[in-house]
Amino acid sequence: MSNGEKRNGGPQFRTATMITSAAMVGGGCIIALAGLALGSGHMAVATRRWVNDMDVPVSQLAKAKYGQARAAMSAGAQAWQKNGSGTAPVPAGY
């Protein structure tokens, strides 16, 4: 350090370049958020249209699938109890 120079040990950045890059990143984020909002809106409208065009309402379909799952669970539990084993069967290789 000659001639009375006082330097920090860290890197030296140009302020104008940093401001420009920050502005470009901010602008890109705004464009990305606009695209995300546009795509999400389209997905919501398309999904709503698809649900409204269904022959069976979603709530009724969910009740039917829940009933099927309960019947399968009950049949599996009965078969397991009828088998007489006290523990759950383990597939070979475990």
PDB file of N, CA and C in Angstrom:
ATOM      1  N   MET A   1       0.852  -1.169   0.000  1.00  0.00           N
ATOM      2  CA  MET A   1       0.000   0.000   0.000  1.00  0.00           C
ATOM      3  C   MET A   1       0.896   1.228   0.000  1.00  0.00           C
ATOM      4  N   SER A   2       1.047   1.707  -1.127  1.00  0.00           N
ATOM      5  CA  SER A   2       1.906   2.878  -1.246  1.00  0.00           C
ATOM      6  C   SER A   2       1.070   4.109  -1.504  1.00  0.00           C
ATOM      7  N   ASN A   3       1.683   5.232  -1.368  1.00  0.00           N
ATOM      8  CA  ASN A   3       1.065   6.531  -1.620  1.00  0.00           C
ATOM      9  C   ASN A   3      -0.168   6.756  -0.761  1.00  0.00           C
ATOM     10  N   GLY A   4      -0.217   6.194   0.412  1.00  0.00           N
ATOM     11  CA  GLY A   4      -1.316   6.452   1.339  1.00  0.00           C
ATOM     12  C   GLY A   4      -2.632   5.801   0.926  1.00  0.00           C
ATOM     13  N   GLU A   5      -2.593   4.778   0.040  1.00  0.00           N
ATOM     14  CA  GLU A   5      -3.820   4.100  -0.357  1.00  0.00           C
ATOM     15  C   GLU A   5      -4.348   3.265   0.796  1.00  0.00           C
ATOM     16  N   LYS A   6      -5.653   3.263   0.918  1.00  0.00           N
ATOM     17  CA  LYS A   6      -6.298   2.453   1.939  1.00  0.00           C
ATOM     18  C   LYS A   6      -7.282   1.536   1.220  1.00  0.00           C
ATOM     19  N   ARG A   7      -6.989   0.236   1.179  1.00  0.00           N
ATOM     20  CA  ARG A   7      -7.835  -0.702   0.453  1.00  0.00           C
ATOM     21  C   ARG A   7      -8.421  -1.717   1.427  1.00  0.00           C
ATOM     22  N   ASN A   8      -9.647  -2.104   1.146  1.00  0.00           N
ATOM     23  CA  ASN A   8     -10.265  -3.197   1.895  1.00  0.00           C
ATOM     24  C   ASN A   8      -9.797  -4.506   1.292  1.00  0.00           C
ATOM     25  N   GLY A   9      -9.897  -5.576   2.046  1.00  0.00           N
ATOM     26  CA  GLY A   9      -9.490  -6.877   1.558  1.00  0.00           C
ATOM     27  C   GLY A   9     -10.516  -7.521   0.642  1.00  0.00           C
ATOM     28  N   GLY A  10     -11.749  -6.993   0.569  1.00  0.00           N
ATOM     29  CA  GLY A  10     -12.814  -7.611  -0.213  1.00  0.00           C
ATOM     30  C   GLY A  10     -12.792  -7.205  -1.672  1.00  0.00           C
ATOM     31  N   PRO A  11     -13.666  -7.792  -2.458  1.00  0.00           N
ATOM     32  CA  PRO A  11     -13.729  -7.467  -3.887  1.00  0.00           C
ATOM     33  C   PRO A  11     -14.287  -6.068  -4.115  1.00  0.00           C
ATOM     34  N   GLN A  12     -13.947  -5.517  -5.247  1.00  0.00           N
ATOM     35  CA  GLN A  12     -14.397  -4.175  -5.629  1.00  0.00           C
ATOM     36  C   GLN A  12     -15.451  -4.330  -6.733  1.00  0.00           C
ATOM     37  N   PHE A  13     -16.662  -3.861  -6.487  1.00  0.00           N
ATOM     38  CA  PHE A  13     -17.745  -3.977  -7.458  1.00  0.00           C
ATOM     39  C   PHE A  13     -18.071  -2.618  -8.041  1.00  0.00           C
ATOM     40  N   ARG A  14     -18.519  -2.622  -9.300  1.00  0.00           N
ATOM     41  CA  ARG A  14     -19.019  -1.387  -9.914  1.00  0.00           C
ATOM     42  C   ARG A  14     -20.487  -1.238  -9.538  1.00  0.00           C
ATOM     43  N   THR A  15     -20.835  -0.108  -9.003  1.00  0.00           N
ATOM     44  CA  THR A  15     -22.189   0.125  -8.524  1.00  0.00           C
ATOM     45  C   THR A  15     -23.197   0.100  -9.658  1.00  0.00           C
ATOM     46  N   ALA A  16     -22.900   0.705 -10.780  1.00  0.00           N
ATOM     47  CA  ALA A  16     -23.841   0.761 -11.900  1.00  0.00           C
ATOM     48  C   ALA A  16     -24.173  -0.637 -12.416  1.00  0.00           C
ATOM     49  N   THR A  17     -23.180  -1.493 -12.501  1.00  0.00           N
ATOM     50  CA  THR A  17     -23.411  -2.856 -12.973  1.00  0.00           C
ATOM     51  C   THR A  17     -24.279  -3.628 -11.992  1.00  0.00           C
ATOM     52  N   MET A  18     -24.052  -3.450 -10.722  1.00  0.00           N
ATOM     53  CA  MET A  18     -24.846  -4.146  -9.711  1.00  0.00           C
ATOM     54  C   MET A  18     -26.303  -3.674  -9.731  1.00  0.00           C
ATOM     55  N   ILE A  19     -26.509  -2.374  -9.894  1.00  0.00           N
ATOM     56  CA  ILE A  19     -27.869  -1.838  -9.955  1.00  0.00           C
ATOM     57  C   ILE A  19     -28.584  -2.359 -11.199  1.00  0.00           C
ATOM     58  N   THR A  20     -27.882  -2.389 -12.329  1.00  0.00           N
ATOM     59  CA  THR A  20     -28.482  -2.883 -13.572  1.00  0.00           C
ATOM     60  C   THR A  20     -28.859  -4.350 -13.446  1.00  0.00           C
ATOM     61  N   SER A  21     -27.979  -5.155 -12.883  1.00  0.00           N
ATOM     62  CA  SER A  21     -28.282  -6.577 -12.748  1.00  0.00           C
ATOM     63  C   SER A  21     -29.440  -6.807 -11.781  1.00  0.00           C
ATOM     64  N   ALA A  22     -29.502  -6.047 -10.703  1.00  0.00           N
ATOM     65  CA  ALA A  22     -30.613  -6.182  -9.756  1.00  0.00           C
ATOM     66  C   ALA A  22     -31.935  -5.797 -10.413  1.00  0.00           C
ATOM     67  N   ALA A  23     -31.924  -4.748 -11.238  1.00  0.00           N
ATOM     68  CA  ALA A  23     -33.138  -4.341 -11.944  1.00  0.00           C
ATOM     69  C   ALA A  23     -33.581  -5.413 -12.929  1.00  0.00           C
ATOM     70  N   MET A  24     -32.618  -6.035 -13.625  1.00  0.00           N
ATOM     71  CA  MET A  24     -32.963  -7.088 -14.574  1.00  0.00           C
ATOM     72  C   MET A  24     -33.524  -8.317 -13.867  1.00  0.00           C
ATOM     73  N   VAL A  25     -32.958  -8.682 -12.724  1.00  0.00           N
ATOM     74  CA  VAL A  25     -33.476  -9.815 -11.950  1.00  0.00           C
ATOM     75  C   VAL A  25     -34.889  -9.501 -11.467  1.00  0.00           C
ATOM     76  N   GLY A  26     -35.097  -8.296 -10.978  1.00  0.00           N
ATOM     77  CA  GLY A  26     -36.434  -7.900 -10.524  1.00  0.00           C
ATOM     78  C   GLY A  26     -37.450  -7.936 -11.650  1.00  0.00           C
ATOM     79  N   GLY A  27     -37.069  -7.428 -12.821  1.00  0.00           N
ATOM     80  CA  GLY A  27     -37.968  -7.468 -13.972  1.00  0.00           C
ATOM     81  C   GLY A  27     -38.278  -8.893 -14.395  1.00  0.00           C
ATOM     82  N   GLY A  28     -37.269  -9.760 -14.364  1.00  0.00           N
ATOM     83  CA  GLY A  28     -37.498 -11.163 -14.699  1.00  0.00           C
ATOM     84  C   GLY A  28     -38.446 -11.839 -13.725  1.00  0.00           C
ATOM     85  N   CYS A  29     -38.304 -11.501 -12.450  1.00  0.00           N
ATOM     86  CA  CYS A  29     -39.209 -12.067 -11.441  1.00  0.00           C
ATOM     87  C   CYS A  29     -40.645 -11.624 -11.678  1.00  0.00           C
ATOM     88  N   ILE A  30     -40.819 -10.367 -12.037  1.00  0.00           N
ATOM     89  CA  ILE A  30     -42.171  -9.857 -12.309  1.00  0.00           C
ATOM     90  C   ILE A  30     -42.776 -10.570 -13.517  1.00  0.00           C
ATOM     91  N   ILE A  31     -41.977 -10.755 -14.567  1.00  0.00           N
ATOM     92  CA  ILE A  31     -42.467 -11.466 -15.753  1.00  0.00           C
ATOM     93  C   ILE A  31     -42.807 -12.913 -15.405  1.00  0.00           C
ATOM     94  N   ALA A  32     -41.963 -13.572 -14.609  1.00  0.00           N
ATOM     95  CA  ALA A  32     -42.220 -14.958 -14.211  1.00  0.00           C
ATOM     96  C   ALA A  32     -43.498 -15.060 -13.378  1.00  0.00           C
ATOM     97  N   LEU A  33     -43.705 -14.124 -12.457  1.00  0.00           N
ATOM     98  CA  LEU A  33     -44.922 -14.138 -11.646  1.00  0.00           C
ATOM     99  C   LEU A  33     -46.164 -13.904 -12.493  1.00  0.00           C
ATOM    100  N   ALA A  34     -46.056 -13.038 -13.495  1.00  0.00           N
ATOM    101  CA  ALA A  34     -47.185 -12.808 -14.394  1.00  0.00           C
ATOM    102  C   ALA A  34     -47.505 -14.086 -15.175  1.00  0.00           C
ATOM    103  N   GLY A  35     -46.481 -14.778 -15.649  1.00  0.00           N
ATOM    104  CA  GLY A  35     -46.695 -16.038 -16.345  1.00  0.00           C
ATOM    105  C   GLY A  35     -47.308 -17.096 -15.454  1.00  0.00           C
ATOM    106  N   LEU A  36     -46.853 -17.157 -14.217  1.00  0.00           N
ATOM    107  CA  LEU A  36     -47.400 -18.108 -13.259  1.00  0.00           C
ATOM    108  C   LEU A  36     -48.874 -17.821 -12.974  1.00  0.00           C
ATOM    109  N   ALA A  37     -49.217 -16.555 -12.819  1.00  0.00           N
ATOM    110  CA  ALA A  37     -50.606 -16.182 -12.567  1.00  0.00           C
ATOM    111  C   ALA A  37     -51.483 -16.517 -13.775  1.00  0.00           C
ATOM    112  N   LEU A  38     -50.990 -16.244 -14.954  1.00  0.00           N
ATOM    113  CA  LEU A  38     -51.752 -16.525 -16.168  1.00  0.00           C
ATOM    114  C   LEU A  38     -51.970 -18.032 -16.318  1.00  0.00           C
ATOM    115  N   GLY A  39     -50.924 -18.824 -16.135  1.00  0.00           N
ATOM    116  CA  GLY A  39     -51.052 -20.277 -16.244  1.00  0.00           C
ATOM    117  C   GLY A  39     -51.955 -20.860 -15.176  1.00  0.00           C
ATOM    118  N   SER A  40     -51.850 -20.370 -13.945  1.00  0.00           N
ATOM    119  CA  SER A  40     -52.691 -20.860 -12.859  1.00  0.00           C
ATOM    120  C   SER A  40     -54.162 -20.541 -13.110  1.00  0.00           C
ATOM    121  N   GLY A  41     -54.416 -19.348 -13.611  1.00  0.00           N
ATOM    122  CA  GLY A  41     -55.798 -18.971 -13.928  1.00  0.00           C
ATOM    123  C   GLY A  41     -56.386 -19.871 -15.003  1.00  0.00           C
ATOM    124  N   HIS A  42     -55.599 -20.157 -16.020  1.00  0.00           N
ATOM    125  CA  HIS A  42     -56.077 -21.035 -17.089  1.00  0.00           C
ATOM    126  C   HIS A  42     -56.340 -22.442 -16.563  1.00  0.00           C
ATOM    127  N   MET A  43     -55.449 -22.944 -15.701  1.00  0.00           N
ATOM    128  CA  MET A  43     -55.641 -24.283 -15.124  1.00  0.00           C
ATOM    129  C   MET A  43     -56.916 -24.331 -14.276  1.00  0.00           C
ATOM    130  N   ALA A  44     -57.179 -23.291 -13.509  1.00  0.00           N
ATOM    131  CA  ALA A  44     -58.374 -23.252 -12.673  1.00  0.00           C
ATOM    132  C   ALA A  44     -59.635 -23.248 -13.522  1.00  0.00           C
ATOM    133  N   VAL A  45     -59.654 -22.449 -14.586  1.00  0.00           N
ATOM    134  CA  VAL A  45     -60.830 -22.386 -15.472  1.00  0.00           C
ATOM    135  C   VAL A  45     -61.041 -23.727 -16.168  1.00  0.00           C
ATOM    136  N   ALA A  46     -59.965 -24.332 -16.665  1.00  0.00           N
ATOM    137  CA  ALA A  46     -60.087 -25.616 -17.361  1.00  0.00           C
ATOM    138  C   ALA A  46     -60.562 -26.714 -16.415  1.00  0.00           C
ATOM    139  N   THR A  47     -60.053 -26.716 -15.172  1.00  0.00           N
ATOM    140  CA  THR A  47     -60.475 -27.717 -14.197  1.00  0.00           C
ATOM    141  C   THR A  47     -61.930 -27.532 -13.824  1.00  0.00           C
ATOM    142  N   ARG A  48     -62.340 -26.293 -13.628  1.00  0.00           N
ATOM    143  CA  ARG A  48     -63.739 -26.016 -13.288  1.00  0.00           C
ATOM    144  C   ARG A  48     -64.662 -26.470 -14.416  1.00  0.00           C
ATOM    145  N   ARG A  49     -64.271 -26.218 -15.660  1.00  0.00           N
ATOM    146  CA  ARG A  49     -65.075 -26.630 -16.819  1.00  0.00           C
ATOM    147  C   ARG A  49     -65.146 -28.158 -16.888  1.00  0.00           C
ATOM    148  N   TRP A  50     -64.021 -28.841 -16.626  1.00  0.00           N
ATOM    149  CA  TRP A  50     -63.981 -30.303 -16.666  1.00  0.00           C
ATOM    150  C   TRP A  50     -64.888 -30.898 -15.590  1.00  0.00           C
ATOM    151  N   VAL A  51     -64.857 -30.333 -14.380  1.00  0.00           N
ATOM    152  CA  VAL A  51     -65.700 -30.835 -13.292  1.00  0.00           C
ATOM    153  C   VAL A  51     -67.172 -30.592 -13.606  1.00  0.00           C
ATOM    154  N   ASN A  52     -67.497 -29.449 -14.158  1.00  0.00           N
ATOM    155  CA  ASN A  52     -68.892 -29.156 -14.487  1.00  0.00           C
ATOM    156  C   ASN A  52     -69.416 -30.040 -15.614  1.00  0.00           C
ATOM    157  N   ASP A  53     -68.545 -30.523 -16.488  1.00  0.00           N
ATOM    158  CA  ASP A  53     -68.965 -31.374 -17.599  1.00  0.00           C
ATOM    159  C   ASP A  53     -69.056 -32.847 -17.215  1.00  0.00           C
ATOM    160  N   MET A  54     -68.683 -33.192 -15.986  1.00  0.00           N
ATOM    161  CA  MET A  54     -68.729 -34.592 -15.560  1.00  0.00           C
ATOM    162  C   MET A  54     -70.172 -35.053 -15.425  1.00  0.00           C
ATOM    163  N   ASP A  55     -70.425 -36.340 -15.772  1.00  0.00           N
ATOM    164  CA  ASP A  55     -71.768 -36.904 -15.645  1.00  0.00           C
ATOM    165  C   ASP A  55     -72.153 -37.111 -14.188  1.00  0.00           C
ATOM    166  N   VAL A  56     -71.190 -37.541 -13.375  1.00  0.00           N
ATOM    167  CA  VAL A  56     -71.429 -37.803 -11.954  1.00  0.00           C
ATOM    168  C   VAL A  56     -70.750 -36.690 -11.161  1.00  0.00           C
ATOM    169  N   PRO A  57     -71.467 -36.058 -10.217  1.00  0.00           N
ATOM    170  CA  PRO A  57     -70.830 -35.017  -9.409  1.00  0.00           C
ATOM    171  C   PRO A  57     -69.638 -35.570  -8.621  1.00  0.00           C
ATOM    172  N   VAL A  58     -68.686 -34.711  -8.360  1.00  0.00           N
ATOM    173  CA  VAL A  58     -67.458 -35.116  -7.685  1.00  0.00           C
ATOM    174  C   VAL A  58     -67.757 -35.682  -6.300  1.00  0.00           C
ATOM    175  N   SER A  59     -68.679 -35.087  -5.570  1.00  0.00           N
ATOM    176  CA  SER A  59     -68.990 -35.575  -4.223  1.00  0.00           C
ATOM    177  C   SER A  59     -69.554 -36.988  -4.276  1.00  0.00           C
ATOM    178  N   GLN A  60     -70.392 -37.262  -5.256  1.00  0.00           N
ATOM    179  CA  GLN A  60     -70.975 -38.596  -5.391  1.00  0.00           C
ATOM    180  C   GLN A  60     -69.892 -39.610  -5.810  1.00  0.00           C
ATOM    181  N   LEU A  61     -68.998 -39.204  -6.678  1.00  0.00           N
ATOM    182  CA  LEU A  61     -67.899 -40.074  -7.097  1.00  0.00           C
ATOM    183  C   LEU A  61     -66.979 -40.391  -5.917  1.00  0.00           C
ATOM    184  N   ALA A  62     -66.704 -39.387  -5.098  1.00  0.00           N
ATOM    185  CA  ALA A  62     -65.859 -39.598  -3.923  1.00  0.00           C
ATOM    186  C   ALA A  62     -66.520 -40.565  -2.945  1.00  0.00           C
ATOM    187  N   LYS A  63     -67.834 -40.442  -2.739  1.00  0.00           N
ATOM    188  CA  LYS A  63     -68.540 -41.367  -1.844  1.00  0.00           C
ATOM    189  C   LYS A  63     -68.476 -42.795  -2.374  1.00  0.00           C
ATOM    190  N   ALA A  64     -68.622 -42.964  -3.684  1.00  0.00           N
ATOM    191  CA  ALA A  64     -68.564 -44.303  -4.275  1.00  0.00           C
ATOM    192  C   ALA A  64     -67.169 -44.905  -4.107  1.00  0.00           C
ATOM    193  N   LYS A  65     -66.127 -44.128  -4.365  1.00  0.00           N
ATOM    194  CA  LYS A  65     -64.763 -44.631  -4.221  1.00  0.00           C
ATOM    195  C   LYS A  65     -64.445 -44.945  -2.756  1.00  0.00           C
ATOM    196  N   TYR A  66     -64.968 -44.131  -1.842  1.00  0.00           N
ATOM    197  CA  TYR A  66     -64.765 -44.385  -0.417  1.00  0.00           C
ATOM    198  C   TYR A  66     -65.443 -45.687  -0.009  1.00  0.00           C
ATOM    199  N   GLY A  67     -66.650 -45.925  -0.530  1.00  0.00           N
ATOM    200  CA  GLY A  67     -67.356 -47.178  -0.249  1.00  0.00           C
ATOM    201  C   GLY A  67     -66.587 -48.377  -0.787  1.00  0.00           C
ATOM    202  N   GLN A  68     -66.013 -48.250  -1.984  1.00  0.00           N
ATOM    203  CA  GLN A  68     -65.214 -49.336  -2.548  1.00  0.00           C
ATOM    204  C   GLN A  68     -63.986 -49.615  -1.680  1.00  0.00           C
ATOM    205  N   ALA A  69     -63.347 -48.576  -1.225  1.00  0.00           N
ATOM    206  CA  ALA A  69     -62.153 -48.745  -0.396  1.00  0.00           C
ATOM    207  C   ALA A  69     -62.506 -49.409   0.937  1.00  0.00           C
ATOM    208  N   ARG A  70     -63.625 -49.010   1.523  1.00  0.00           N
ATOM    209  CA  ARG A  70     -64.043 -49.626   2.792  1.00  0.00           C
ATOM    210  C   ARG A  70     -64.376 -51.094   2.600  1.00  0.00           C
ATOM    211  N   ALA A  71     -65.039 -51.433   1.490  1.00  0.00           N
ATOM    212  CA  ALA A  71     -65.374 -52.829   1.221  1.00  0.00           C
ATOM    213  C   ALA A  71     -64.099 -53.657   1.024  1.00  0.00           C
ATOM    214  N   ALA A  72     -63.138 -53.107   0.309  1.00  0.00           N
ATOM    215  CA  ALA A  72     -61.870 -53.821   0.097  1.00  0.00           C
ATOM    216  C   ALA A  72     -61.121 -53.994   1.412  1.00  0.00           C
ATOM    217  N   MET A  73     -61.139 -52.978   2.247  1.00  0.00           N
ATOM    218  CA  MET A  73     -60.469 -53.075   3.543  1.00  0.00           C
ATOM    219  C   MET A  73     -61.142 -54.126   4.417  1.00  0.00           C
ATOM    220  N   SER A  74     -62.456 -54.140   4.418  1.00  0.00           N
ATOM    221  CA  SER A  74     -63.190 -55.110   5.223  1.00  0.00           C
ATOM    222  C   SER A  74     -62.929 -56.537   4.733  1.00  0.00           C
ATOM    223  N   ALA A  75     -62.932 -56.729   3.424  1.00  0.00           N
ATOM    224  CA  ALA A  75     -62.668 -58.060   2.862  1.00  0.00           C
ATOM    225  C   ALA A  75     -61.248 -58.509   3.194  1.00  0.00           C
ATOM    226  N   GLY A  76     -60.306 -57.609   3.101  1.00  0.00           N
ATOM    227  CA  GLY A  76     -58.929 -57.952   3.436  1.00  0.00           C
ATOM    228  C   GLY A  76     -58.771 -58.306   4.901  1.00  0.00           C
ATOM    229  N   ALA A  77     -59.420 -57.551   5.775  1.00  0.00           N
ATOM    230  CA  ALA A  77     -59.332 -57.827   7.216  1.00  0.00           C
ATOM    231  C   ALA A  77     -59.981 -59.170   7.544  1.00  0.00           C
ATOM    232  N   GLN A  78     -61.122 -59.468   6.908  1.00  0.00           N
ATOM    233  CA  GLN A  78     -61.783 -60.751   7.155  1.00  0.00           C
ATOM    234  C   GLN A  78     -60.929 -61.915   6.667  1.00  0.00           C
ATOM    235  N   ALA A  79     -60.317 -61.759   5.509  1.00  0.00           N
ATOM    236  CA  ALA A  79     -59.462 -62.823   4.981  1.00  0.00           C
ATOM    237  C   ALA A  79     -58.253 -63.032   5.883  1.00  0.00           C
ATOM    238  N   TRP A  80     -57.721 -61.956   6.406  1.00  0.00           N
ATOM    239  CA  TRP A  80     -56.556 -62.046   7.285  1.00  0.00           C
ATOM    240  C   TRP A  80     -56.931 -62.756   8.585  1.00  0.00           C
ATOM    241  N   GLN A  81     -58.092 -62.396   9.150  1.00  0.00           N
ATOM    242  CA  GLN A  81     -58.538 -63.025  10.396  1.00  0.00           C
ATOM    243  C   GLN A  81     -58.899 -64.497  10.169  1.00  0.00           C
ATOM    244  N   LYS A  82     -59.475 -64.792   9.016  1.00  0.00           N
ATOM    245  CA  LYS A  82     -59.857 -66.166   8.700  1.00  0.00           C
ATOM    246  C   LYS A  82     -58.619 -67.050   8.534  1.00  0.00           C
ATOM    247  N   ASN A  83     -57.539 -66.470   8.057  1.00  0.00           N
ATOM    248  CA  ASN A  83     -56.296 -67.208   7.859  1.00  0.00           C
ATOM    249  C   ASN A  83     -55.728 -67.674   9.187  1.00  0.00           C
ATOM    250  N   GLY A  84     -55.959 -66.935  10.245  1.00  0.00           N
ATOM    251  CA  GLY A  84     -55.539 -67.333  11.577  1.00  0.00           C
ATOM    252  C   GLY A  84     -54.140 -66.896  11.963  1.00  0.00           C
ATOM    253  N   SER A  85     -53.453 -66.171  11.118  1.00  0.00           N
ATOM    254  CA  SER A  85     -52.109 -65.735  11.494  1.00  0.00           C
ATOM    255  C   SER A  85     -52.213 -64.518  12.398  1.00  0.00           C
ATOM    256  N   GLY A  86     -51.325 -64.454  13.362  1.00  0.00           N
ATOM    257  CA  GLY A  86     -51.358 -63.356  14.318  1.00  0.00           C
ATOM    258  C   GLY A  86     -50.632 -62.118  13.842  1.00  0.00           C
ATOM    259  N   THR A  87     -49.778 -62.272  12.846  1.00  0.00           N
ATOM    260  CA  THR A  87     -49.040 -61.127  12.354  1.00  0.00           C
ATOM    261  C   THR A  87     -49.323 -60.942  10.875  1.00  0.00           C
ATOM    262  N   ALA A  88     -49.017 -59.770  10.410  1.00  0.00           N
ATOM    263  CA  ALA A  88     -49.243 -59.474   9.002  1.00  0.00           C
ATOM    264  C   ALA A  88     -48.275 -60.276   8.144  1.00  0.00           C
ATOM    265  N   PRO A  89     -48.734 -60.789   7.005  1.00  0.00           N
ATOM    266  CA  PRO A  89     -47.817 -61.551   6.135  1.00  0.00           C
ATOM    267  C   PRO A  89     -46.769 -60.635   5.551  1.00  0.00           C
ATOM    268  N   VAL A  90     -45.533 -61.137   5.478  1.00  0.00           N
ATOM    269  CA  VAL A  90     -44.419 -60.368   4.940  1.00  0.00           C
ATOM    270  C   VAL A  90     -44.003 -61.009   3.625  1.00  0.00           C
ATOM    271  N   PRO A  91     -43.947 -60.234   2.548  1.00  0.00           N
ATOM    272  CA  PRO A  91     -43.515 -60.809   1.266  1.00  0.00           C
ATOM    273  C   PRO A  91     -42.092 -61.334   1.362  1.00  0.00           C
ATOM    274  N   ALA A  92     -41.796 -62.330   0.535  1.00  0.00           N
ATOM    275  CA  ALA A  92     -40.457 -62.918   0.520  1.00  0.00           C
ATOM    276  C   ALA A  92     -39.435 -61.873   0.113  1.00  0.00           C
ATOM    277  N   GLY A  93     -38.287 -61.927   0.692  1.00  0.00           N
ATOM    278  CA  GLY A  93     -37.223 -60.991   0.344  1.00  0.00           C
ATOM    279  C   GLY A  93     -37.072 -59.849   1.335  1.00  0.00           C
ATOM    280  N   TYR A  94     -37.913 -59.783   2.355  1.00  0.00           N
ATOM    281  CA  TYR A  94     -37.802 -58.699   3.337  1.00  0.00           C
ATOM    282  C   TYR A  94     -37.243 -59.209   4.633  1.00  0.00           C
TER     283      TYR A  94
END
